[in-house]
Protein backbone atom coordinates (compact mmCIF):
# COMPACT_ATOMS: atom_id res chain seq x y z
CA MET A 1 0.00 0.00 0.00
CA GLN A 2 1.32 3.41 -0.98
CA ARG A 3 2.24 5.64 1.93
CA ARG A 4 0.82 9.11 2.15
CA GLY A 5 3.17 11.90 1.10
CA VAL A 6 5.34 9.61 -1.01
CA LYS A 7 5.18 10.33 -4.74
CA VAL A 8 5.73 7.42 -7.10
CA ASN A 9 6.85 8.17 -10.65
CA ARG A 10 4.69 5.96 -12.85
CA LEU A 11 6.18 7.29 -16.12
CA ARG A 12 8.75 5.18 -17.89
CA PRO A 13 12.00 6.89 -18.85
CA VAL A 14 12.04 8.13 -22.42
CA GLU A 15 14.36 6.13 -24.67
CA LEU A 16 16.18 8.76 -26.72
CA ASP A 17 18.05 7.75 -29.83
CA PRO A 18 21.77 8.62 -29.43
CA LEU A 19 21.77 10.39 -32.81
CA ASP A 20 18.84 12.58 -31.73
CA GLU A 21 20.46 13.58 -28.45
CA TYR A 22 21.81 16.83 -29.88
CA GLY A 23 20.21 19.53 -31.98
CA LEU A 24 21.61 21.71 -34.73
CA PRO A 25 24.30 24.16 -33.58
CA SER A 26 22.75 26.73 -35.93
CA LYS A 27 19.59 26.47 -33.79
CA GLY A 28 21.42 27.08 -30.52
CA GLU A 29 22.91 23.69 -29.61
CA LYS A 30 26.16 24.33 -27.70
CA ARG A 31 27.15 20.91 -26.38
CA LEU A 32 28.46 19.69 -29.76
CA LEU A 33 31.08 22.46 -29.77
CA SER A 34 33.23 20.35 -27.44
CA PRO A 35 35.91 18.41 -29.38
CA LYS A 36 35.53 15.37 -27.11
CA ILE A 37 31.75 15.25 -27.59
CA GLN A 38 32.22 15.62 -31.36
CA GLU A 39 34.47 12.57 -31.47
CA THR A 40 32.09 10.53 -29.30
CA TYR A 41 29.14 11.56 -31.47
CA TYR A 42 31.04 10.61 -34.63
CA ALA A 43 31.74 7.18 -33.15
CA LYS A 44 27.98 6.73 -32.62
CA ILE A 45 27.31 7.75 -36.23
CA ALA A 46 29.95 5.30 -37.45
CA GLU A 47 28.47 2.52 -35.32
CA ARG A 48 24.99 3.22 -36.69
CA TYR A 49 26.25 3.21 -40.27
CA LEU A 50 28.03 -0.10 -39.80
CA ALA A 51 24.85 -1.60 -38.35
CA PHE A 52 22.94 -0.13 -41.29
CA CYS A 53 25.33 -1.81 -43.72
CA THR A 54 25.79 -5.23 -42.19
CA THR A 55 22.25 -6.24 -41.20
CA ALA A 56 21.03 -7.74 -44.49
CA GLY A 57 22.70 -10.32 -46.67
CA ASP A 58 22.71 -8.94 -50.22
CA ARG A 59 23.87 -5.78 -51.97
CA ASP A 60 20.61 -5.15 -53.84
CA SER A 61 18.88 -4.06 -50.63
CA LEU A 62 21.47 -1.36 -50.08
CA GLN A 63 21.11 -0.07 -53.63
CA LYS A 64 17.34 0.20 -53.22
CA GLN A 65 17.66 2.07 -49.93
CA PHE A 66 20.15 4.55 -51.37
CA GLY A 67 17.95 5.00 -54.43
CA ARG A 68 14.83 5.70 -52.36
CA LEU A 69 16.60 8.45 -50.47
CA ASN A 70 17.89 10.02 -53.68
CA LEU A 71 16.35 13.50 -53.64
CA ALA A 72 17.05 14.02 -57.33
CA ASP A 73 14.75 11.05 -58.23
CA LYS A 74 17.45 9.30 -60.24
CA ASP A 75 17.83 5.60 -60.96
CA THR A 76 19.80 3.46 -58.59
CA ALA A 77 23.32 2.48 -59.55
CA PRO A 78 25.92 -0.01 -58.42
CA SER A 79 27.73 0.96 -55.27
CA PRO A 80 31.40 0.37 -54.58
CA GLY A 81 32.44 -3.20 -54.04
CA ALA A 82 34.93 -2.67 -51.26
CA THR A 83 34.29 -4.07 -47.84
CA THR A 84 33.52 -1.85 -44.90
CA THR A 85 36.32 -1.27 -42.44
CA ALA A 86 35.07 -1.25 -38.88
CA PRO A 87 36.56 1.28 -36.47
CA SER A 88 38.95 -0.22 -34.01
CA ALA A 89 39.10 2.76 -31.68
CA VAL A 90 37.28 6.00 -30.98
CA GLN A 91 40.23 8.20 -30.04
CA PRO A 92 41.40 10.42 -31.49
CA PHE A 93 38.88 9.78 -34.27
CA THR A 94 37.30 6.92 -36.18
CA ARG A 95 38.19 6.30 -39.81
CA ILE A 96 35.32 4.95 -41.87
CA ILE A 97 35.40 3.77 -45.48
CA VAL A 98 31.93 4.16 -46.95
CA SER A 99 31.24 1.18 -49.13
CA SER A 100 28.42 -0.98 -50.39
CA PRO A 101 27.62 -3.64 -47.86
CA THR A 102 24.08 -4.81 -47.23
CA LEU A 103 21.12 -3.74 -45.09
CA SER A 104 17.49 -4.29 -44.26
CA LEU A 105 16.93 -1.51 -41.76
CA PRO A 106 14.10 1.03 -42.23
CA GLN A 107 14.66 3.70 -44.83
CA ASN A 108 14.65 6.52 -42.27
CA GLN A 109 17.85 5.10 -40.76
CA LEU A 110 19.90 6.51 -43.63
CA SER A 111 18.25 9.93 -43.50
CA GLN A 112 18.83 9.95 -39.74
CA ILE A 113 22.54 9.29 -40.28
CA LEU A 114 22.75 12.12 -42.82
CA SER A 115 20.94 14.42 -40.40
CA ALA A 116 23.39 13.53 -37.64
CA LEU A 117 26.31 14.23 -39.96
CA ARG A 118 24.85 17.66 -40.69
CA LYS A 119 24.77 18.43 -36.96
CA LEU A 120 28.37 17.32 -36.62
CA ARG A 121 29.51 19.34 -39.63
CA GLU A 122 27.80 22.45 -38.26
CA ALA A 123 29.54 21.89 -34.93
CA ILE A 124 32.94 21.61 -36.64
CA VAL A 125 32.31 24.86 -38.53
CA ALA A 126 31.08 26.67 -35.41
CA SER A 127 34.04 25.49 -33.32
CA LYS A 128 36.48 26.35 -36.15
CA ARG A 129 38.04 22.92 -35.87
CA ARG A 130 40.53 22.23 -38.64
CA ASP A 131 42.42 19.01 -38.06
CA ASP A 132 42.50 15.37 -39.17
CA PHE A 133 39.22 14.67 -37.43
CA ALA A 134 37.41 17.46 -39.28
CA VAL A 135 38.80 16.23 -42.60
CA GLN A 136 37.69 12.66 -41.91
CA VAL A 137 34.17 13.71 -40.94
CA TYR A 138 33.79 15.74 -44.12
CA LEU A 139 35.15 12.95 -46.32
CA PHE A 140 32.73 10.52 -44.71
CA ALA A 141 29.81 12.92 -45.28
CA ILE A 142 30.84 13.47 -48.90
CA ARG A 143 31.07 9.76 -49.71
CA LEU A 144 27.82 8.86 -47.99
CA GLY A 145 26.07 11.85 -49.57
CA ILE A 146 27.21 10.79 -53.03
CA LEU A 147 26.03 7.19 -52.57
CA SER A 148 22.62 8.38 -51.40
CA GLY A 149 22.36 11.00 -54.15
CA SER A 150 21.94 13.74 -51.52
CA TYR A 151 23.73 16.70 -53.09
CA GLU A 152 22.49 18.83 -50.16
CA THR A 153 24.95 16.80 -48.11
CA TYR A 154 27.97 16.30 -50.32
CA HIS A 155 28.11 19.55 -52.32
CA PRO A 156 28.47 22.03 -49.41
CA ALA A 157 30.80 19.55 -47.70
CA LEU A 158 33.01 19.45 -50.81
CA LEU A 159 33.20 23.24 -50.98
CA TYR A 160 34.10 23.58 -47.29
CA LEU A 161 36.67 20.79 -47.47
CA LEU A 162 38.47 22.29 -50.48
CA ARG A 163 38.13 26.00 -49.73
CA VAL A 164 38.37 26.13 -45.93
CA LEU A 165 39.83 22.96 -44.45
CA HIS A 166 42.50 22.29 -47.09
CA PRO A 167 44.14 25.76 -46.93
CA ALA A 168 44.27 25.52 -43.12
CA HIS A 169 45.11 21.82 -42.79
CA ASN A 170 46.53 20.28 -45.94
CA LEU A 171 44.81 17.19 -47.27
CA THR A 172 46.87 14.30 -48.51
CA ASN A 173 47.34 14.09 -52.29
CA LEU A 174 44.94 11.16 -52.44
CA GLU A 175 42.23 12.99 -50.47
CA LEU A 176 42.64 16.18 -52.47
CA ARG A 177 42.53 14.33 -55.79
CA GLU A 178 39.39 12.48 -54.72
CA ALA A 179 37.56 15.61 -53.55
CA ALA A 180 38.58 17.71 -56.56
CA GLY A 181 37.48 14.95 -58.93
CA TYR A 182 34.07 14.73 -57.24
CA LEU A 183 33.59 18.49 -57.54
CA VAL A 184 34.49 18.48 -61.24
CA LEU A 185 32.12 15.62 -62.00
CA ASP A 186 29.28 17.03 -59.90
CA THR A 187 29.56 20.32 -61.78
CA ALA A 188 29.51 18.57 -65.13
CA CYS A 189 27.00 15.77 -64.50
CA ARG A 190 24.49 17.16 -62.03
CA ARG A 191 24.70 20.90 -62.68
CA GLY A 192 25.36 20.48 -66.39
CA ASP A 193 27.91 23.31 -66.44
CA LEU A 194 30.77 22.00 -68.57
CA ALA A 195 32.55 25.36 -68.73
CA GLU A 196 32.68 25.58 -64.94
CA ALA A 197 33.73 21.93 -64.72
CA TYR A 198 36.72 22.55 -66.99
CA LYS A 199 37.56 25.66 -64.99
CA ILE A 200 37.66 23.65 -61.74
CA ARG A 201 39.65 20.93 -63.47
CA HIS A 202 42.19 23.53 -64.58
CA GLU A 203 42.37 24.91 -61.03
CA TYR A 204 43.28 21.48 -59.64
CA ARG A 205 45.16 20.24 -62.71
CA VAL A 206 48.41 19.57 -60.83
CA ILE A 207 46.88 17.26 -58.23
CA LEU A 208 44.47 15.63 -60.69
CA ARG A 209 47.35 14.71 -63.00
CA SER A 210 49.40 13.18 -60.20
CA GLY A 211 49.23 9.59 -59.07
CA SER A 212 48.56 6.40 -60.97
CA GLY A 213 46.47 7.02 -64.05
CA GLY A 214 46.21 10.74 -63.41
CA ASP A 215 42.93 12.35 -64.36
CA SER A 216 42.26 10.08 -67.35
CA LYS A 217 38.90 8.96 -65.95
CA VAL A 218 37.75 12.50 -65.21
CA ASP A 219 38.88 13.58 -68.67
CA GLY A 220 37.17 10.59 -70.27
CA ILE A 221 33.85 11.44 -68.61
CA LEU A 222 34.10 15.10 -69.60
CA LYS A 223 34.98 14.12 -73.16
CA ALA A 224 31.94 11.83 -73.34
CA LEU A 225 29.69 14.65 -72.15
CA VAL A 226 31.08 17.18 -74.59
CA ARG A 227 30.73 14.81 -77.53
CA ASP A 228 27.48 13.17 -76.40
CA ASP A 229 29.42 9.93 -76.80
CA TRP A 230 27.22 7.17 -75.35
CA VAL A 231 29.75 4.44 -76.13
CA LEU A 232 32.55 6.21 -74.24
CA TRP A 233 30.11 7.05 -71.43
CA ARG A 234 29.25 3.37 -70.96
CA LYS A 235 32.93 2.43 -71.12
CA MET A 236 33.81 4.94 -68.40
CA LYS A 237 30.99 3.73 -66.14
CA ARG A 238 32.46 0.23 -66.26
CA THR A 239 35.88 1.44 -65.15
CA VAL A 240 35.05 3.88 -62.33
CA ASP A 241 34.17 3.17 -58.70
CA GLY A 242 30.71 3.44 -57.19
CA TYR A 243 31.05 7.07 -56.05
CA VAL A 244 31.89 8.32 -59.54
CA CYS A 245 29.22 6.05 -61.01
CA ARG A 246 26.60 7.67 -58.78
CA LEU A 247 27.68 11.14 -59.91
CA MET A 248 27.49 10.04 -63.54
CA GLU A 249 23.91 8.90 -62.99
CA PHE A 250 22.77 12.50 -62.78
CA ASN A 251 23.40 12.75 -66.53
CA ASP A 252 22.28 9.27 -67.57
CA GLY A 253 18.86 10.47 -68.71
CA GLN A 254 20.28 13.14 -70.97
CA MET A 255 22.77 10.74 -72.54
CA LYS A 256 20.08 8.13 -73.17
CA ALA A 257 17.81 10.76 -74.71
CA HIS A 258 20.60 11.62 -77.16
CA VAL A 259 20.96 7.92 -78.07
CA LEU A 260 17.23 7.65 -78.77
CA LYS A 261 17.39 10.72 -81.00
CA ALA A 262 20.25 9.07 -82.90
CA PHE A 263 18.11 5.95 -83.39
CA GLY A 264 15.24 8.10 -84.59
CA ARG A 265 17.40 9.78 -87.22
CA SER A 266 19.23 6.65 -88.37
CA TYR A 267 16.80 3.70 -88.42
CA LEU A 268 13.42 2.84 -89.87
CA SER A 269 13.11 -0.15 -87.54
CA VAL A 270 15.29 -2.20 -85.21
CA GLU A 271 14.96 -5.33 -83.13
CA VAL A 272 13.67 -4.52 -79.68
CA GLU A 273 16.45 -6.56 -78.04
CA TYR A 274 19.11 -4.53 -79.83
CA LEU A 275 17.43 -1.26 -78.80
CA GLU A 276 17.22 -2.36 -75.17
CA ARG A 277 20.81 -3.55 -75.16
CA ALA A 278 22.11 -0.35 -76.75
CA SER A 279 20.15 1.98 -74.44
CA LEU A 280 20.48 -0.16 -71.29
CA SER A 281 16.74 0.27 -70.78
CA GLY A 282 13.71 -1.97 -71.20
CA TRP A 283 11.04 -1.22 -73.77
CA GLU A 284 8.45 -0.22 -71.16
CA GLU A 285 10.95 2.11 -69.49
CA LEU A 286 11.69 3.77 -72.82
CA ARG A 287 8.00 4.37 -73.39
CA GLU A 288 7.14 5.56 -69.88
CA LYS A 289 10.26 7.51 -68.93
CA PHE A 290 11.42 8.84 -72.29
CA GLY A 291 8.05 8.98 -74.03
CA VAL A 292 9.05 7.29 -77.28
CA GLY A 293 6.14 7.02 -79.66
CA TRP A 294 7.48 4.09 -81.64
CA GLU A 295 5.49 0.96 -82.33
CA LEU A 296 6.48 -2.54 -81.23
CA LYS A 297 5.42 -5.19 -83.72
CA ASP A 298 6.55 -8.83 -83.86
CA GLY A 299 9.74 -8.18 -81.88
CA ARG A 300 10.75 -5.15 -83.94
CA VAL A 301 10.42 -1.50 -83.10
CA VAL A 302 9.03 0.54 -85.98
CA ILE A 303 10.65 3.95 -85.69
CA ARG A 304 9.59 5.53 -88.98
CA LYS A 305 7.28 4.48 -91.76
CA ILE A 306 7.95 5.29 -95.38
CA GLN A 307 5.10 7.35 -96.69
CA PRO A 308 3.90 6.30 -100.17
CA ARG A 309 4.26 8.85 -102.90
CA LYS A 310 1.08 10.56 -103.94
């Protein structure tokens, strides 16, 4: 029997998600300005991402999840094939390689991770932190943002990494070449500004030309865009990693539309299998997404009909 004057708390404690523990520094959150809390929070983000990646047993699930989050409403594409490296320690910071493992967690898990990374990036900017930890956080955000097609995540992170962090705390040649290449390709493929892309490429020409292979892949992609060369475009997509492949996807629709125009100018009819193989799209997708008005008859696509002379 309850004694008089003794209050009993019948409410259960609220279970707060560790990634939702902090708010946005731009909205007044001050706790994330502490370097130690930043590193602990990043470890929680890394742990959540690893759980996100290793739950399911096949890569297709991951591709679908990334594609559903894609704010640009693009098609899904193959992700990198490297394995995920789990962090062995939290201090001084955790290195994460974003790759394409598998998952079956709810879709909002990925958006929650991106939201947490935004909080952490804001905290790094507000605290003016410019060290190895800041670089690693931004690289992680860039790679994950690219895989998910979230340019709201990776584009501002790229600009801050190259224009603020790098002048204050030099990136390695490999990191700088990776980030500069992403910025060039994002400008060309997503924004469609080839002049600006070549300008950025010229700005980072020294680092892009260094290392094994130099900037041959970046140049090959730019060349394919300038020439509307679908064959070279497909060749480059087979040779690049998953991050670059995702950036190239922003321009896939335009390149396919050019191929269909070439078919329309060159053929009276073609076999549907050849058309699907050449465009990397099924017949129904060509009709629904690209609005082709051609007629399918007995396994052949009738593109144009010869009008009889009057």
